[in-house]
């Protein structure tokens, strides 16, 4: 074991090896963390894309329902113009209002069911995403803790060995030193 004291202090080879090992482990832990972060960003974008698609589909359905209502109104107006008597006009109007009220109620119910489904799907998807992320973070934290504990144990063992070696070297040096006052 090489040990220098003073401004040119040199780390023992064992300590250097442990330090290099711990740096490599830390690098690997951060690479894993960043890879998980990239995957989560991709997963999150996928979830948001699903939500956007669901909202787009809901908007398209709403537009389709509005178009159907406008078309029904034009059909009613066409039949109303062709009516031959005020009684026929009143009958057509009553029929149209009844039909439209039922149609609007059915449309509102359908949109409500679709919106509720989209909301539930979104919440469920985000909840699953959050749980997956929490599990990944828990796993990474456990691995980081384990790595830190192993590094601490390695450093403790090397430090204890360095202290023993230094003590042995000091005792050896002390036993080889002769008192200048003694004669040979």
N, C-alpha and C. Protein backbone atom coordinates (compact mmCIF):
# COMPACT_ATOMS: atom_id res chain seq x y z
N UNK A 1 0.85 -1.17 0.00
CA UNK A 1 0.00 0.00 0.00
C UNK A 1 0.89 1.23 0.00
N UNK A 2 0.62 2.12 -0.96
CA UNK A 2 1.40 3.35 -1.05
C UNK A 2 0.70 4.43 -0.27
N UNK A 3 1.42 5.04 0.63
CA UNK A 3 0.84 6.13 1.40
C UNK A 3 1.86 7.24 1.47
N UNK A 4 1.47 8.40 1.00
CA UNK A 4 2.33 9.58 1.12
C UNK A 4 1.59 10.60 1.97
N UNK A 5 2.32 11.32 2.74
CA UNK A 5 1.72 12.37 3.55
C UNK A 5 2.23 13.70 3.06
N UNK A 6 1.47 14.73 3.31
CA UNK A 6 1.88 16.05 2.87
C UNK A 6 1.09 16.46 1.64
N UNK A 7 1.62 17.43 0.88
CA UNK A 7 0.86 17.95 -0.25
C UNK A 7 0.66 16.92 -1.37
N UNK A 8 1.47 15.89 -1.42
CA UNK A 8 1.34 14.87 -2.46
C UNK A 8 0.63 13.63 -1.94
N UNK A 9 -0.37 13.83 -1.09
CA UNK A 9 -1.11 12.72 -0.50
C UNK A 9 -1.71 11.86 -1.62
N UNK A 10 -1.51 10.58 -1.53
CA UNK A 10 -1.97 9.65 -2.56
C UNK A 10 -2.96 8.67 -1.93
N UNK A 11 -4.07 8.43 -2.63
CA UNK A 11 -5.06 7.46 -2.14
C UNK A 11 -4.52 6.05 -2.29
N UNK A 12 -4.79 5.21 -1.32
CA UNK A 12 -4.39 3.81 -1.47
C UNK A 12 -5.14 3.20 -2.67
N UNK A 13 -4.56 2.21 -3.29
CA UNK A 13 -5.14 1.57 -4.47
C UNK A 13 -6.52 1.01 -4.18
N UNK A 14 -6.70 0.42 -2.97
CA UNK A 14 -8.01 -0.15 -2.64
C UNK A 14 -9.08 0.94 -2.60
N UNK A 15 -8.73 2.08 -2.00
CA UNK A 15 -9.71 3.18 -1.91
C UNK A 15 -10.02 3.73 -3.30
N UNK A 16 -9.01 3.84 -4.13
CA UNK A 16 -9.22 4.32 -5.49
C UNK A 16 -10.16 3.37 -6.25
N UNK A 17 -9.90 2.06 -6.09
CA UNK A 17 -10.74 1.06 -6.77
C UNK A 17 -12.18 1.15 -6.30
N UNK A 18 -12.37 1.30 -4.99
CA UNK A 18 -13.73 1.43 -4.46
C UNK A 18 -14.38 2.71 -4.97
N UNK A 19 -13.63 3.79 -4.97
CA UNK A 19 -14.18 5.06 -5.47
C UNK A 19 -14.59 4.93 -6.94
N UNK A 20 -13.74 4.30 -7.75
CA UNK A 20 -14.07 4.12 -9.16
C UNK A 20 -15.30 3.25 -9.33
N UNK A 21 -15.39 2.19 -8.52
CA UNK A 21 -16.55 1.30 -8.57
C UNK A 21 -17.82 2.08 -8.20
N UNK A 22 -17.74 2.91 -7.16
CA UNK A 22 -18.91 3.67 -6.72
C UNK A 22 -19.31 4.73 -7.74
N UNK A 23 -18.34 5.34 -8.40
CA UNK A 23 -18.65 6.30 -9.46
C UNK A 23 -19.36 5.59 -10.60
N UNK A 24 -18.88 4.40 -10.96
CA UNK A 24 -19.52 3.63 -12.04
C UNK A 24 -20.94 3.24 -11.64
N UNK A 25 -21.14 2.85 -10.38
CA UNK A 25 -22.48 2.50 -9.92
C UNK A 25 -23.40 3.72 -9.92
N UNK A 26 -22.86 4.86 -9.49
CA UNK A 26 -23.67 6.09 -9.49
C UNK A 26 -24.05 6.48 -10.91
N UNK A 27 -23.09 6.37 -11.83
CA UNK A 27 -23.37 6.68 -13.24
C UNK A 27 -24.48 5.77 -13.76
N UNK A 28 -24.37 4.47 -13.46
CA UNK A 28 -25.38 3.51 -13.92
C UNK A 28 -26.75 3.84 -13.32
N UNK A 29 -26.76 4.22 -12.04
CA UNK A 29 -28.03 4.57 -11.38
C UNK A 29 -28.66 5.78 -12.07
N UNK A 30 -27.85 6.79 -12.39
CA UNK A 30 -28.39 7.97 -13.05
C UNK A 30 -28.82 7.66 -14.49
N UNK A 31 -28.07 6.80 -15.18
CA UNK A 31 -28.49 6.41 -16.53
C UNK A 31 -29.84 5.70 -16.48
N UNK A 32 -30.00 4.84 -15.48
CA UNK A 32 -31.28 4.15 -15.31
C UNK A 32 -32.39 5.15 -14.99
N UNK A 33 -32.09 6.10 -14.12
CA UNK A 33 -33.07 7.13 -13.76
C UNK A 33 -33.49 7.93 -14.99
N UNK A 34 -32.53 8.35 -15.79
CA UNK A 34 -32.86 9.14 -16.98
C UNK A 34 -33.59 8.30 -18.03
N UNK A 35 -33.23 7.03 -18.14
CA UNK A 35 -33.95 6.16 -19.08
C UNK A 35 -35.40 6.02 -18.64
N UNK A 36 -35.60 5.83 -17.35
CA UNK A 36 -36.97 5.75 -16.82
C UNK A 36 -37.72 7.06 -17.05
N UNK A 37 -37.05 8.17 -16.87
CA UNK A 37 -37.68 9.47 -17.10
C UNK A 37 -38.10 9.61 -18.56
N UNK A 38 -37.20 9.21 -19.48
CA UNK A 38 -37.55 9.27 -20.91
C UNK A 38 -38.75 8.38 -21.22
N UNK A 39 -38.76 7.18 -20.64
CA UNK A 39 -39.89 6.27 -20.87
C UNK A 39 -41.18 6.86 -20.31
N UNK A 40 -41.10 7.49 -19.14
CA UNK A 40 -42.30 8.08 -18.54
C UNK A 40 -42.82 9.23 -19.39
N UNK A 41 -41.91 10.04 -19.94
CA UNK A 41 -42.34 11.13 -20.82
C UNK A 41 -43.06 10.55 -22.03
N UNK A 42 -42.51 9.49 -22.61
CA UNK A 42 -43.15 8.85 -23.76
C UNK A 42 -44.51 8.28 -23.38
N UNK A 43 -44.57 7.60 -22.22
CA UNK A 43 -45.84 7.05 -21.76
C UNK A 43 -46.87 8.14 -21.51
N UNK A 44 -46.41 9.24 -20.89
CA UNK A 44 -47.31 10.34 -20.59
C UNK A 44 -47.85 10.94 -21.88
N UNK A 45 -46.98 11.13 -22.86
CA UNK A 45 -47.44 11.67 -24.14
C UNK A 45 -48.47 10.74 -24.78
N UNK A 46 -48.26 9.44 -24.65
CA UNK A 46 -49.23 8.48 -25.17
C UNK A 46 -50.58 8.60 -24.48
N UNK A 47 -50.55 8.77 -23.14
CA UNK A 47 -51.80 8.92 -22.40
C UNK A 47 -52.52 10.21 -22.82
N UNK A 48 -51.76 11.29 -22.96
CA UNK A 48 -52.38 12.55 -23.35
C UNK A 48 -52.90 12.48 -24.78
N UNK A 49 -52.22 11.73 -25.63
CA UNK A 49 -52.70 11.56 -27.00
C UNK A 49 -54.02 10.81 -27.00
N UNK A 50 -54.13 9.81 -26.15
CA UNK A 50 -55.40 9.07 -26.02
C UNK A 50 -56.52 10.00 -25.57
N UNK A 51 -56.22 10.88 -24.60
CA UNK A 51 -57.22 11.84 -24.12
C UNK A 51 -57.60 12.80 -25.25
N UNK A 52 -56.59 13.32 -25.97
CA UNK A 52 -56.88 14.24 -27.09
C UNK A 52 -57.75 13.56 -28.14
N UNK A 53 -57.44 12.31 -28.43
CA UNK A 53 -58.23 11.56 -29.42
C UNK A 53 -59.67 11.40 -28.93
N UNK A 54 -59.83 11.08 -27.66
CA UNK A 54 -61.17 10.94 -27.08
C UNK A 54 -61.95 12.24 -27.14
N UNK A 55 -61.28 13.35 -26.84
CA UNK A 55 -61.94 14.67 -26.89
C UNK A 55 -62.30 15.00 -28.34
N UNK A 56 -61.39 14.71 -29.25
CA UNK A 56 -61.66 14.98 -30.67
C UNK A 56 -62.87 14.17 -31.13
N UNK A 57 -62.92 12.89 -30.76
CA UNK A 57 -64.06 12.05 -31.13
C UNK A 57 -65.37 12.60 -30.55
N UNK A 58 -65.30 13.07 -29.31
CA UNK A 58 -66.48 13.64 -28.67
C UNK A 58 -66.94 14.91 -29.39
N UNK A 59 -65.98 15.76 -29.77
CA UNK A 59 -66.32 16.98 -30.52
C UNK A 59 -66.93 16.62 -31.87
N UNK A 60 -66.35 15.62 -32.56
CA UNK A 60 -66.88 15.20 -33.86
C UNK A 60 -68.32 14.69 -33.70
N UNK A 61 -68.56 13.95 -32.64
CA UNK A 61 -69.91 13.43 -32.40
C UNK A 61 -70.86 14.60 -32.15
N UNK A 62 -70.44 15.58 -31.36
CA UNK A 62 -71.29 16.74 -31.07
C UNK A 62 -71.60 17.50 -32.36
N UNK A 63 -70.60 17.66 -33.21
CA UNK A 63 -70.82 18.35 -34.49
C UNK A 63 -71.80 17.54 -35.35
N UNK A 64 -71.64 16.24 -35.37
CA UNK A 64 -72.55 15.37 -36.13
C UNK A 64 -73.98 15.49 -35.62
N UNK A 65 -74.13 15.56 -34.30
CA UNK A 65 -75.47 15.71 -33.74
C UNK A 65 -76.07 17.08 -34.09
N UNK A 66 -75.25 18.11 -34.06
CA UNK A 66 -75.74 19.45 -34.45
C UNK A 66 -76.15 19.45 -35.92
N UNK A 67 -75.35 18.81 -36.74
CA UNK A 67 -75.70 18.73 -38.17
C UNK A 67 -77.04 18.00 -38.37
N UNK A 68 -77.23 16.92 -37.61
CA UNK A 68 -78.49 16.17 -37.70
C UNK A 68 -79.66 17.05 -37.27
N UNK A 69 -79.46 17.85 -36.23
CA UNK A 69 -80.53 18.76 -35.77
C UNK A 69 -80.84 19.83 -36.81
N UNK A 70 -79.80 20.39 -37.41
CA UNK A 70 -80.01 21.41 -38.45
C UNK A 70 -80.71 20.78 -39.65
N UNK A 71 -80.29 19.58 -40.02
CA UNK A 71 -80.92 18.88 -41.15
C UNK A 71 -82.39 18.61 -40.85
N UNK A 72 -82.70 18.18 -39.63
CA UNK A 72 -84.09 17.95 -39.23
C UNK A 72 -84.89 19.25 -39.29
N UNK A 73 -84.25 20.35 -38.89
CA UNK A 73 -84.94 21.66 -38.96
C UNK A 73 -85.24 22.04 -40.40
N UNK A 74 -84.30 21.84 -41.30
CA UNK A 74 -84.54 22.15 -42.71
C UNK A 74 -85.63 21.25 -43.29
N UNK A 75 -85.61 19.98 -42.92
CA UNK A 75 -86.67 19.07 -43.37
C UNK A 75 -88.04 19.57 -42.88
N UNK A 76 -88.07 19.97 -41.61
CA UNK A 76 -89.32 20.50 -41.05
C UNK A 76 -89.76 21.75 -41.81
N UNK A 77 -88.83 22.66 -42.05
CA UNK A 77 -89.18 23.89 -42.78
C UNK A 77 -89.68 23.57 -44.19
N UNK A 78 -89.05 22.62 -44.84
CA UNK A 78 -89.48 22.22 -46.18
C UNK A 78 -90.91 21.68 -46.15
N UNK A 79 -91.21 20.81 -45.16
CA UNK A 79 -92.56 20.26 -45.04
C UNK A 79 -93.55 21.33 -44.62
N UNK A 80 -93.10 22.25 -43.77
CA UNK A 80 -93.98 23.33 -43.31
C UNK A 80 -94.39 24.23 -44.47
N UNK A 81 -93.44 24.53 -45.34
CA UNK A 81 -93.74 25.37 -46.51
C UNK A 81 -94.72 24.66 -47.44
N UNK A 82 -94.65 23.37 -47.49
CA UNK A 82 -95.53 22.60 -48.38
C UNK A 82 -96.90 22.32 -47.76
N UNK A 83 -97.09 22.70 -46.48
CA UNK A 83 -98.37 22.44 -45.81
C UNK A 83 -99.50 23.18 -46.52
N UNK A 84 -100.70 22.58 -46.53
CA UNK A 84 -101.82 23.15 -47.27
C UNK A 84 -102.82 23.85 -46.37
N UNK A 85 -102.69 23.65 -45.04
CA UNK A 85 -103.65 24.29 -44.15
C UNK A 85 -102.97 24.65 -42.83
N UNK A 86 -103.58 25.56 -42.10
CA UNK A 86 -103.03 25.90 -40.78
C UNK A 86 -103.05 24.70 -39.83
N UNK A 87 -104.05 23.83 -39.94
CA UNK A 87 -104.09 22.65 -39.08
C UNK A 87 -102.90 21.73 -39.39
N UNK A 88 -102.62 21.56 -40.66
CA UNK A 88 -101.47 20.72 -41.05
C UNK A 88 -100.18 21.35 -40.53
N UNK A 89 -100.07 22.67 -40.61
CA UNK A 89 -98.89 23.37 -40.10
C UNK A 89 -98.74 23.13 -38.59
N UNK A 90 -99.86 23.24 -37.85
CA UNK A 90 -99.82 23.04 -36.40
C UNK A 90 -99.45 21.58 -36.07
N UNK A 91 -99.99 20.65 -36.84
CA UNK A 91 -99.68 19.24 -36.64
C UNK A 91 -98.20 18.96 -36.91
N UNK A 92 -97.68 19.53 -38.00
CA UNK A 92 -96.26 19.36 -38.34
C UNK A 92 -95.37 19.96 -37.24
N UNK A 93 -95.77 21.13 -36.75
CA UNK A 93 -94.99 21.80 -35.72
C UNK A 93 -94.98 20.97 -34.43
N UNK A 94 -96.12 20.46 -34.02
CA UNK A 94 -96.21 19.64 -32.80
C UNK A 94 -95.36 18.38 -32.96
N UNK A 95 -95.48 17.76 -34.12
CA UNK A 95 -94.70 16.55 -34.42
C UNK A 95 -93.20 16.86 -34.36
N UNK A 96 -92.80 17.98 -34.97
CA UNK A 96 -91.38 18.37 -34.99
C UNK A 96 -90.87 18.64 -33.58
N UNK A 97 -91.63 19.40 -32.80
CA UNK A 97 -91.19 19.73 -31.44
C UNK A 97 -91.06 18.47 -30.58
N UNK A 98 -92.04 17.59 -30.69
CA UNK A 98 -91.98 16.33 -29.93
C UNK A 98 -90.75 15.52 -30.34
N UNK A 99 -90.55 15.41 -31.64
CA UNK A 99 -89.42 14.66 -32.18
C UNK A 99 -88.09 15.28 -31.76
N UNK A 100 -87.99 16.58 -31.84
CA UNK A 100 -86.74 17.27 -31.49
C UNK A 100 -86.45 17.18 -29.99
N UNK A 101 -87.48 17.27 -29.17
CA UNK A 101 -87.27 17.17 -27.72
C UNK A 101 -86.73 15.78 -27.37
N UNK A 102 -87.30 14.75 -27.99
CA UNK A 102 -86.82 13.39 -27.75
C UNK A 102 -85.40 13.25 -28.30
N UNK A 103 -85.16 13.77 -29.47
CA UNK A 103 -83.85 13.68 -30.10
C UNK A 103 -82.79 14.39 -29.27
N UNK A 104 -83.08 15.60 -28.81
CA UNK A 104 -82.12 16.36 -27.99
C UNK A 104 -81.86 15.64 -26.67
N UNK A 105 -82.89 15.06 -26.07
CA UNK A 105 -82.71 14.31 -24.81
C UNK A 105 -81.80 13.10 -25.05
N UNK A 106 -82.07 12.37 -26.15
CA UNK A 106 -81.24 11.21 -26.47
C UNK A 106 -79.79 11.63 -26.76
N UNK A 107 -79.64 12.73 -27.48
CA UNK A 107 -78.30 13.22 -27.80
C UNK A 107 -77.54 13.64 -26.55
N UNK A 108 -78.23 14.34 -25.67
CA UNK A 108 -77.59 14.79 -24.42
C UNK A 108 -77.17 13.57 -23.59
N UNK A 109 -78.05 12.57 -23.54
CA UNK A 109 -77.72 11.35 -22.79
C UNK A 109 -76.51 10.66 -23.40
N UNK A 110 -76.49 10.55 -24.72
CA UNK A 110 -75.38 9.89 -25.42
C UNK A 110 -74.07 10.64 -25.20
N UNK A 111 -74.11 11.97 -25.34
CA UNK A 111 -72.90 12.77 -25.10
C UNK A 111 -72.45 12.65 -23.64
N UNK A 112 -73.40 12.64 -22.73
CA UNK A 112 -73.07 12.50 -21.31
C UNK A 112 -72.39 11.18 -21.02
N UNK A 113 -72.91 10.09 -21.60
CA UNK A 113 -72.31 8.77 -21.42
C UNK A 113 -70.89 8.76 -21.99
N UNK A 114 -70.74 9.32 -23.19
CA UNK A 114 -69.41 9.35 -23.81
C UNK A 114 -68.43 10.21 -23.02
N UNK A 115 -68.89 11.36 -22.55
CA UNK A 115 -68.01 12.25 -21.76
C UNK A 115 -67.62 11.58 -20.45
N UNK A 116 -68.59 10.92 -19.81
CA UNK A 116 -68.30 10.21 -18.55
C UNK A 116 -67.29 9.10 -18.80
N UNK A 117 -67.48 8.34 -19.86
CA UNK A 117 -66.56 7.25 -20.19
C UNK A 117 -65.16 7.79 -20.45
N UNK A 118 -65.08 8.88 -21.21
CA UNK A 118 -63.77 9.50 -21.48
C UNK A 118 -63.12 9.95 -20.19
N UNK A 119 -63.88 10.57 -19.31
CA UNK A 119 -63.33 11.02 -18.03
C UNK A 119 -62.84 9.86 -17.18
N UNK A 120 -63.65 8.80 -17.10
CA UNK A 120 -63.25 7.64 -16.31
C UNK A 120 -62.01 6.97 -16.89
N UNK A 121 -61.98 6.84 -18.21
CA UNK A 121 -60.82 6.23 -18.86
C UNK A 121 -59.57 7.07 -18.61
N UNK A 122 -59.71 8.37 -18.71
CA UNK A 122 -58.58 9.27 -18.50
C UNK A 122 -58.07 9.16 -17.06
N UNK A 123 -58.97 9.20 -16.11
CA UNK A 123 -58.56 9.10 -14.70
C UNK A 123 -57.91 7.75 -14.43
N UNK A 124 -58.50 6.68 -14.95
CA UNK A 124 -57.94 5.34 -14.73
C UNK A 124 -56.54 5.24 -15.36
N UNK A 125 -56.40 5.76 -16.56
CA UNK A 125 -55.12 5.71 -17.26
C UNK A 125 -54.06 6.51 -16.50
N UNK A 126 -54.41 7.71 -16.07
CA UNK A 126 -53.45 8.54 -15.34
C UNK A 126 -53.12 7.92 -13.98
N UNK A 127 -54.10 7.30 -13.35
CA UNK A 127 -53.85 6.64 -12.07
C UNK A 127 -52.87 5.48 -12.25
N UNK A 128 -53.08 4.67 -13.29
CA UNK A 128 -52.16 3.56 -13.57
C UNK A 128 -50.77 4.10 -13.88
N UNK A 129 -50.72 5.17 -14.63
CA UNK A 129 -49.44 5.80 -14.98
C UNK A 129 -48.73 6.27 -13.70
N UNK A 130 -49.46 6.92 -12.81
CA UNK A 130 -48.86 7.42 -11.57
C UNK A 130 -48.38 6.26 -10.70
N UNK A 131 -49.14 5.18 -10.65
CA UNK A 131 -48.73 4.02 -9.84
C UNK A 131 -47.46 3.39 -10.42
N UNK A 132 -47.39 3.28 -11.74
CA UNK A 132 -46.20 2.72 -12.39
C UNK A 132 -44.99 3.59 -12.10
N UNK A 133 -45.16 4.89 -12.21
CA UNK A 133 -44.07 5.82 -11.92
C UNK A 133 -43.62 5.70 -10.47
N UNK A 134 -44.57 5.62 -9.55
CA UNK A 134 -44.22 5.49 -8.13
C UNK A 134 -43.45 4.20 -7.87
N UNK A 135 -43.86 3.11 -8.50
CA UNK A 135 -43.15 1.84 -8.33
C UNK A 135 -41.72 1.93 -8.88
N UNK A 136 -41.57 2.56 -10.04
CA UNK A 136 -40.23 2.72 -10.62
C UNK A 136 -39.35 3.55 -9.71
N UNK A 137 -39.90 4.64 -9.18
CA UNK A 137 -39.12 5.49 -8.27
C UNK A 137 -38.76 4.75 -7.00
N UNK A 138 -39.69 3.95 -6.49
CA UNK A 138 -39.42 3.16 -5.28
C UNK A 138 -38.28 2.18 -5.54
N UNK A 139 -38.31 1.53 -6.69
CA UNK A 139 -37.26 0.58 -7.06
C UNK A 139 -35.91 1.28 -7.20
N UNK A 140 -35.92 2.44 -7.86
CA UNK A 140 -34.67 3.19 -8.02
C UNK A 140 -34.13 3.66 -6.67
N UNK A 141 -35.02 4.12 -5.80
CA UNK A 141 -34.58 4.58 -4.48
C UNK A 141 -33.98 3.43 -3.68
N UNK A 142 -34.59 2.27 -3.76
CA UNK A 142 -34.07 1.10 -3.05
C UNK A 142 -32.69 0.73 -3.58
N UNK A 143 -32.54 0.76 -4.91
CA UNK A 143 -31.24 0.43 -5.52
C UNK A 143 -30.19 1.46 -5.13
N UNK A 144 -30.57 2.73 -5.10
CA UNK A 144 -29.62 3.78 -4.72
C UNK A 144 -29.21 3.63 -3.26
N UNK A 145 -30.17 3.32 -2.41
CA UNK A 145 -29.87 3.12 -0.99
C UNK A 145 -28.94 1.93 -0.79
N UNK A 146 -29.23 0.85 -1.49
CA UNK A 146 -28.39 -0.35 -1.40
C UNK A 146 -26.97 -0.05 -1.88
N UNK A 147 -26.86 0.68 -2.96
CA UNK A 147 -25.55 1.03 -3.50
C UNK A 147 -24.78 1.92 -2.52
N UNK A 148 -25.48 2.89 -1.93
CA UNK A 148 -24.83 3.79 -0.97
C UNK A 148 -24.37 3.02 0.27
N UNK A 149 -25.20 2.08 0.73
CA UNK A 149 -24.81 1.28 1.89
C UNK A 149 -23.60 0.40 1.57
N UNK A 150 -23.60 -0.19 0.39
CA UNK A 150 -22.46 -1.02 -0.01
C UNK A 150 -21.19 -0.17 -0.11
N UNK A 151 -21.31 1.03 -0.66
CA UNK A 151 -20.15 1.92 -0.78
C UNK A 151 -19.65 2.30 0.60
N UNK A 152 -20.56 2.60 1.52
CA UNK A 152 -20.15 2.97 2.88
C UNK A 152 -19.43 1.80 3.55
N UNK A 153 -19.94 0.59 3.36
CA UNK A 153 -19.29 -0.58 3.95
C UNK A 153 -17.91 -0.80 3.34
N UNK A 154 -17.81 -0.62 2.01
CA UNK A 154 -16.51 -0.78 1.34
C UNK A 154 -15.51 0.24 1.89
N UNK A 155 -15.94 1.51 1.99
CA UNK A 155 -15.04 2.54 2.50
C UNK A 155 -14.66 2.28 3.95
N UNK A 156 -15.60 1.79 4.73
CA UNK A 156 -15.30 1.49 6.14
C UNK A 156 -14.25 0.39 6.22
N UNK A 157 -14.43 -0.66 5.42
CA UNK A 157 -13.47 -1.77 5.44
C UNK A 157 -12.09 -1.31 5.00
N UNK A 158 -12.02 -0.52 3.94
CA UNK A 158 -10.73 -0.03 3.44
C UNK A 158 -10.10 0.92 4.46
N UNK A 159 -10.94 1.77 5.06
CA UNK A 159 -10.41 2.71 6.07
C UNK A 159 -9.85 1.96 7.27
N UNK A 160 -10.58 0.95 7.74
CA UNK A 160 -10.10 0.16 8.87
C UNK A 160 -8.78 -0.53 8.53
N UNK A 161 -8.69 -1.05 7.29
CA UNK A 161 -7.45 -1.70 6.86
C UNK A 161 -6.32 -0.68 6.78
N UNK A 162 -6.64 0.51 6.27
CA UNK A 162 -5.60 1.56 6.16
C UNK A 162 -5.11 1.96 7.54
N UNK A 163 -6.02 2.05 8.51
CA UNK A 163 -5.62 2.40 9.88
C UNK A 163 -4.74 1.29 10.46
N UNK A 164 -5.16 0.04 10.25
CA UNK A 164 -4.34 -1.07 10.76
C UNK A 164 -2.95 -1.07 10.12
N UNK A 165 -2.92 -0.86 8.78
CA UNK A 165 -1.63 -0.84 8.07
C UNK A 165 -0.77 0.32 8.55
N UNK A 166 -1.37 1.48 8.77
CA UNK A 166 -0.61 2.64 9.23
C UNK A 166 -0.07 2.39 10.64
N UNK A 167 -0.91 1.77 11.47
CA UNK A 167 -0.48 1.48 12.84
C UNK A 167 0.67 0.47 12.83
N UNK A 168 0.53 -0.54 11.97
CA UNK A 168 1.59 -1.55 11.86
C UNK A 168 2.87 -0.90 11.34
N UNK A 169 2.76 -0.04 10.35
CA UNK A 169 3.93 0.63 9.79
C UNK A 169 4.56 1.54 10.84
N UNK A 170 3.75 2.22 11.62
CA UNK A 170 4.28 3.11 12.66
C UNK A 170 5.00 2.30 13.74
N UNK A 171 4.40 1.17 14.12
CA UNK A 171 5.04 0.32 15.13
C UNK A 171 6.34 -0.25 14.60
N UNK A 172 6.31 -0.63 13.33
CA UNK A 172 7.53 -1.17 12.71
C UNK A 172 8.62 -0.09 12.64
N UNK A 173 8.22 1.08 12.27
CA UNK A 173 9.19 2.18 12.18
C UNK A 173 9.73 2.51 13.57
N UNK A 174 8.86 2.49 14.57
CA UNK A 174 9.28 2.81 15.93
C UNK A 174 10.26 1.76 16.45
N UNK A 175 10.04 0.51 16.07
CA UNK A 175 10.93 -0.54 16.57
C UNK A 175 12.29 -0.48 15.86
N UNK A 176 12.35 0.09 14.67
CA UNK A 176 13.61 0.18 13.93
C UNK A 176 14.38 1.46 14.24
N UNK A 177 13.75 2.38 14.93
CA UNK A 177 14.44 3.63 15.25
C UNK A 177 15.33 3.37 16.47
N UNK A 178 16.54 3.80 16.35
CA UNK A 178 17.47 3.65 17.47
C UNK A 178 17.59 4.99 18.16
N UNK A 179 17.77 4.92 19.45
CA UNK A 179 17.90 6.14 20.24
C UNK A 179 19.29 6.70 19.98
N UNK A 180 19.39 7.97 19.57
CA UNK A 180 20.69 8.56 19.28
C UNK A 180 21.61 8.60 20.52
N UNK A 181 21.03 8.50 21.69
CA UNK A 181 21.81 8.55 22.91
C UNK A 181 22.42 7.19 23.25
N UNK A 182 21.93 6.18 22.59
CA UNK A 182 22.46 4.83 22.85
C UNK A 182 23.73 4.61 22.02
N UNK A 183 24.59 3.83 22.57
CA UNK A 183 25.80 3.50 21.81
C UNK A 183 25.60 2.20 21.07
N UNK A 184 26.31 2.07 19.99
CA UNK A 184 26.14 0.88 19.15
C UNK A 184 27.01 -0.19 19.62
